[in-house]
Amino acid sequence: MATTGASRPTLLLVHGAWHGPWCWENLEYALISDGWATRTVELPSARRSGFPTVEPFAGIHMDAQTIRETLEDIEGPVVVVGHSYGGIPVTQAIADAPNVRHVIYLAAYQLDVGESLYRFHGAPEPEFGTGIIQPAEESVAVAAFYADVPQEEATRAVRMLVPQSVRSFSERVTQAGWRTIPSTYIICEQDKALPPRQQEKLAARANTVHRLQSSHSPFLSMPSKLAALLAYIAHGSRPAY
């Protein structure tokens, strides 16, 4: 995508459960307009057409491998941004990635070794971790993910959601890259999908914390503000809000 000055890292954007690279389009536009290079990944745990249709479906380890392969393809330093579930495979992937300068958890699961998404929430982990979880119906998905997103954009986003593998929620982290790589947590204060009180627990593991008055998806509701904040974290530019 767009090139940047040599001193700027590339921003690698990693989507959450049920989503895909499409969710970053507005944010990428704002970042590229400001001279940043961006990359995205397509996590195989989100069950799009063309992906394998038989078990075992992808979990966090296959997602992490996809992220690692993308990191290996990027020249120069990288700042990785993980949203929601995407924070889990990011944590796993960056532990052995020499070009990652910083990791940003955007209303994301900053898990530690031995934790899974289910385990963090105190839910039982399925014995086999097979199957898929369908996206929520439109009204529920809008309320959870896109409460402050314009209605037309929220409706479009819901229609883009795809099934998510159960394995991605039940597999456990085996290495936590944030223990050796500087990390920042962005708490979304109006989040209904991952409530702020839970984000606070996760954010306690990060080196620094920032806050946005947004729902779960600020890349759709306030892409310019989020872009300014990411720029500040990644390169020290003053956030324009």
Foldseek 3Di string as FASTA:
>chain_A
DFAADQVFAEEEEEEAAQAAPVLLVLLVVLQVVVGHHYHYFGFQQFPDPPHDDDPPGDALVSSLVRVLVVLVVDPAAYEYEAAALRLQSVQQNQQPRPRYQEYEYELYAQDAFPDFQCVLVVHDADPVQFDWDADDPLVVCCQQAPVQFPPVVSVVRSVSGGIGGSRHRRDGRHGGNCVPHAYEYEAACAHRNRHRVSSVVRRVSHPYYHYDPHYRRCSRNPSNQVSQVVCCVRPNHHRPD
